[in-house]
Amino acid sequence: MTDGDAPLTYLLVDGENLDATLGQSILRRRPLPQERPRWERLLQFVEARWSQPVKGLFFLAVPGELPMPFVQALTAIGFVTIPLSGASDEKVVDIAIQRTLEEIGRRRGDVVLASHDGDFLPQMSALVGERRTALVGFSEFRNSGFTALAERGMELIDLELDVKAFNERLPRLRVIPIEEFDPAQFL
């Protein structure tokens, strides 16, 4: 690890995974713009949670033309946008995030991964216990392998319920702790 660096949190966003989960599994259709996460809230949440600066890295698979309005919006709120391309059978976002997690392992800094994907379990496992780590996503869709990492100290954060990244309540089916149950929501 390099020494002398100021405390920093790396926030790695698997945009493809989160968008697919929101669209296919929660909404069961392509999300409308107002139904998408407010990404600036995630940056603010992580910075407030761990009381240190955040470097947000947003990974995108770009098979064709760069989605400039989206990239510009991410840049304006403080993300470094990482557009990736590769062969059709390559999971370019996963490969890039895995490599980035491995590189972070050689540096100082805490890590928040926004994804549900179990492909990152080996890299995150290597970081848990060495620094603060967290996983952000929709609790009911996270890979079950992250449960063991949570038992070792990784924080599990819900993008909607904890971060409050959405303007509208999502139609999620989840187990409700009795202290949070509000019958008015179902009547």
Protein backbone atom coordinates (compact mmCIF):
# COMPACT_ATOMS: atom_id res chain seq x y z
CA MET A 1 0.00 0.00 0.00
CA THR A 2 1.13 3.51 -0.67
CA ASP A 3 1.56 5.67 2.43
CA GLY A 4 0.92 9.31 3.05
CA ASP A 5 -2.36 9.46 1.16
CA ALA A 6 -5.23 11.34 2.79
CA PRO A 7 -8.21 9.17 3.82
CA LEU A 8 -10.40 8.44 0.83
CA THR A 9 -13.34 6.25 -0.10
CA TYR A 10 -13.51 4.70 -3.54
CA LEU A 11 -17.10 4.30 -4.72
CA LEU A 12 -17.31 1.89 -7.66
CA VAL A 13 -20.67 1.82 -9.44
CA ASP A 14 -21.63 -1.12 -11.66
CA GLY A 15 -24.15 0.95 -13.60
CA GLU A 16 -25.09 -1.92 -15.90
CA ASN A 17 -25.92 -4.28 -13.02
CA LEU A 18 -27.95 -1.76 -11.03
CA ASP A 19 -29.88 -0.55 -14.07
CA ALA A 20 -30.68 -4.12 -15.18
CA THR A 21 -31.88 -5.04 -11.68
CA LEU A 22 -34.05 -1.93 -11.46
CA GLY A 23 -35.57 -2.46 -14.90
CA GLN A 24 -35.89 -6.22 -15.20
CA SER A 25 -36.44 -7.34 -11.61
CA ILE A 26 -38.17 -4.42 -9.90
CA LEU A 27 -40.05 -2.41 -12.52
CA ARG A 28 -40.23 -5.18 -15.16
CA ARG A 29 -39.68 -2.57 -17.87
CA ARG A 30 -37.21 0.09 -18.90
CA PRO A 31 -37.03 2.71 -16.12
CA LEU A 32 -38.29 6.20 -16.88
CA PRO A 33 -35.81 9.01 -16.15
CA GLN A 34 -37.64 10.02 -12.96
CA GLU A 35 -37.47 6.40 -11.72
CA ARG A 36 -33.69 6.16 -11.92
CA PRO A 37 -31.40 6.70 -8.92
CA ARG A 38 -30.20 10.18 -8.10
CA TRP A 39 -26.52 9.33 -8.21
CA GLU A 40 -25.43 12.51 -6.41
CA ARG A 41 -27.29 11.22 -3.34
CA LEU A 42 -25.13 8.11 -3.33
CA LEU A 43 -21.94 10.21 -3.39
CA GLN A 44 -23.29 12.41 -0.58
CA PHE A 45 -24.46 9.42 1.47
CA VAL A 46 -21.07 7.68 1.31
CA GLU A 47 -19.17 10.87 2.14
CA ALA A 48 -21.42 11.57 5.14
CA ARG A 49 -21.43 7.93 6.30
CA TRP A 50 -17.65 7.59 6.52
CA SER A 51 -16.78 11.30 6.99
CA GLN A 52 -14.13 11.46 4.29
CA PRO A 53 -13.84 12.44 0.62
CA VAL A 54 -15.26 10.08 -1.99
CA LYS A 55 -13.88 9.32 -5.43
CA GLY A 56 -16.81 8.01 -7.46
CA LEU A 57 -16.05 5.76 -10.44
CA PHE A 58 -19.03 4.95 -12.66
CA PHE A 59 -18.41 2.02 -15.04
CA LEU A 60 -20.41 1.81 -18.28
CA ALA A 61 -20.47 -0.71 -21.10
CA VAL A 62 -20.63 1.28 -24.33
CA PRO A 63 -21.21 -0.99 -27.34
CA GLY A 64 -21.67 1.92 -29.74
CA GLU A 65 -21.94 5.63 -29.32
CA LEU A 66 -21.01 7.27 -26.01
CA PRO A 67 -24.17 8.43 -24.15
CA MET A 68 -22.85 11.99 -23.78
CA PRO A 69 -25.81 13.54 -21.89
CA PHE A 70 -25.56 10.83 -19.22
CA VAL A 71 -21.76 11.02 -19.08
CA GLN A 72 -21.89 14.81 -18.75
CA ALA A 73 -24.48 14.57 -15.99
CA LEU A 74 -22.34 12.08 -14.05
CA THR A 75 -19.26 14.25 -14.49
CA ALA A 76 -21.14 17.34 -13.32
CA ILE A 77 -22.10 15.68 -10.02
CA GLY A 78 -18.57 14.46 -9.36
CA PHE A 79 -18.18 10.98 -10.86
CA VAL A 80 -15.32 9.85 -13.02
CA THR A 81 -17.09 8.06 -15.86
CA ILE A 82 -15.36 5.00 -17.27
CA PRO A 83 -16.89 3.98 -20.63
CA LEU A 84 -15.73 0.53 -21.75
CA SER A 85 -15.98 -1.59 -24.86
CA GLY A 86 -14.86 -5.07 -25.83
CA ALA A 87 -15.90 -8.24 -27.56
CA SER A 88 -19.59 -9.15 -27.29
CA ASP A 89 -18.76 -12.12 -25.04
CA GLU A 90 -16.68 -10.02 -22.62
CA LYS A 91 -18.21 -8.61 -19.44
CA VAL A 92 -16.15 -5.43 -19.76
CA VAL A 93 -17.64 -3.67 -16.73
CA ASP A 94 -17.01 -6.68 -14.51
CA ILE A 95 -13.44 -7.05 -15.77
CA ALA A 96 -12.72 -3.36 -15.18
CA ILE A 97 -14.22 -3.34 -11.69
CA GLN A 98 -12.30 -6.50 -10.74
CA ARG A 99 -9.04 -4.92 -11.92
CA THR A 100 -9.86 -1.68 -10.09
CA LEU A 101 -10.61 -3.52 -6.83
CA GLU A 102 -7.28 -5.36 -7.15
CA GLU A 103 -5.45 -2.06 -7.70
CA ILE A 104 -7.21 -0.48 -4.71
CA GLY A 105 -5.91 -3.43 -2.68
CA ARG A 106 -2.40 -2.04 -3.29
CA ARG A 107 -3.41 1.44 -2.09
CA ARG A 108 -4.92 3.06 0.96
CA GLY A 109 -8.60 3.80 0.94
CA ASP A 110 -11.96 2.40 1.85
CA VAL A 111 -14.25 0.79 -0.71
CA VAL A 112 -17.95 0.96 -1.48
CA LEU A 113 -19.15 -1.24 -4.34
CA ALA A 114 -22.57 -0.55 -5.86
CA SER A 115 -23.60 -3.84 -7.47
CA HIS A 116 -25.29 -7.16 -6.76
CA ASP A 117 -22.81 -9.20 -8.77
CA GLY A 118 -21.06 -12.18 -7.21
CA ASP A 119 -18.23 -11.84 -9.74
CA PHE A 120 -16.64 -9.36 -7.31
CA LEU A 121 -16.67 -11.63 -4.26
CA PRO A 122 -12.97 -12.64 -4.47
CA GLN A 123 -11.75 -9.06 -4.77
CA MET A 124 -14.06 -7.73 -2.05
CA SER A 125 -13.20 -10.66 0.22
CA ALA A 126 -9.53 -9.68 0.01
CA LEU A 127 -10.40 -6.13 1.15
CA VAL A 128 -12.79 -6.95 4.02
CA GLY A 129 -11.00 -6.62 7.33
CA GLU A 130 -8.16 -4.64 5.77
CA ARG A 131 -10.22 -1.43 5.43
CA ARG A 132 -13.85 -0.32 5.60
CA THR A 133 -15.95 -1.95 2.91
CA ALA A 134 -19.58 -1.73 1.92
CA LEU A 135 -21.93 -3.08 -0.72
CA VAL A 136 -24.78 -0.92 -2.05
CA GLY A 137 -27.74 -2.25 -3.98
CA PHE A 138 -31.21 -3.69 -3.52
CA SER A 139 -31.04 -6.04 -0.53
CA GLU A 140 -33.27 -8.71 -2.01
CA PHE A 141 -31.13 -9.02 -5.17
CA ARG A 142 -27.61 -9.04 -3.74
CA ASN A 143 -25.58 -12.17 -4.34
CA SER A 144 -25.85 -14.40 -1.26
CA GLY A 145 -22.06 -14.68 -1.10
CA PHE A 146 -21.93 -11.16 0.31
CA THR A 147 -23.66 -12.37 3.49
CA ALA A 148 -20.44 -14.07 4.61
CA LEU A 149 -18.52 -10.85 3.93
CA ALA A 150 -21.04 -8.91 6.03
CA GLU A 151 -20.37 -11.34 8.87
CA ARG A 152 -16.69 -10.37 8.54
CA GLY A 153 -17.47 -6.64 8.73
CA MET A 154 -18.66 -5.46 5.31
CA GLU A 155 -21.57 -3.02 5.55
CA LEU A 156 -24.67 -3.81 3.48
CA ILE A 157 -26.50 -0.68 2.31
CA ASP A 158 -29.83 -0.52 0.49
CA LEU A 159 -29.85 1.97 -2.40
CA GLU A 160 -33.50 2.91 -1.86
CA LEU A 161 -34.09 2.50 1.87
CA ASP A 162 -30.75 3.67 3.29
CA VAL A 163 -29.37 5.99 0.61
CA LYS A 164 -32.81 7.32 -0.38
CA ALA A 165 -31.56 7.59 -3.97
CA PHE A 166 -35.03 7.59 -5.55
CA ASN A 167 -37.67 10.29 -5.79
CA GLU A 168 -40.49 7.74 -5.91
CA ARG A 169 -41.05 4.60 -3.86
CA LEU A 170 -40.17 1.48 -5.85
CA PRO A 171 -42.61 -1.44 -6.13
CA ARG A 172 -40.32 -3.87 -4.30
CA LEU A 173 -41.31 -7.08 -2.59
CA ARG A 174 -39.16 -7.44 0.49
CA VAL A 175 -39.36 -8.79 3.99
CA ILE A 176 -40.52 -5.98 6.26
CA PRO A 177 -39.21 -5.81 9.83
CA ILE A 178 -42.29 -5.50 12.04
CA GLU A 179 -41.09 -2.18 13.52
CA GLU A 180 -41.18 -0.73 9.97
CA PHE A 181 -44.57 -2.18 9.01
CA ASP A 182 -47.15 0.46 8.09
CA PRO A 183 -50.53 -1.02 7.16
CA ALA A 184 -51.51 2.22 5.42
CA GLN A 185 -49.03 1.38 2.66
CA PHE A 186 -51.09 -1.69 1.78
CA LEU A 187 -54.64 -0.32 2.06
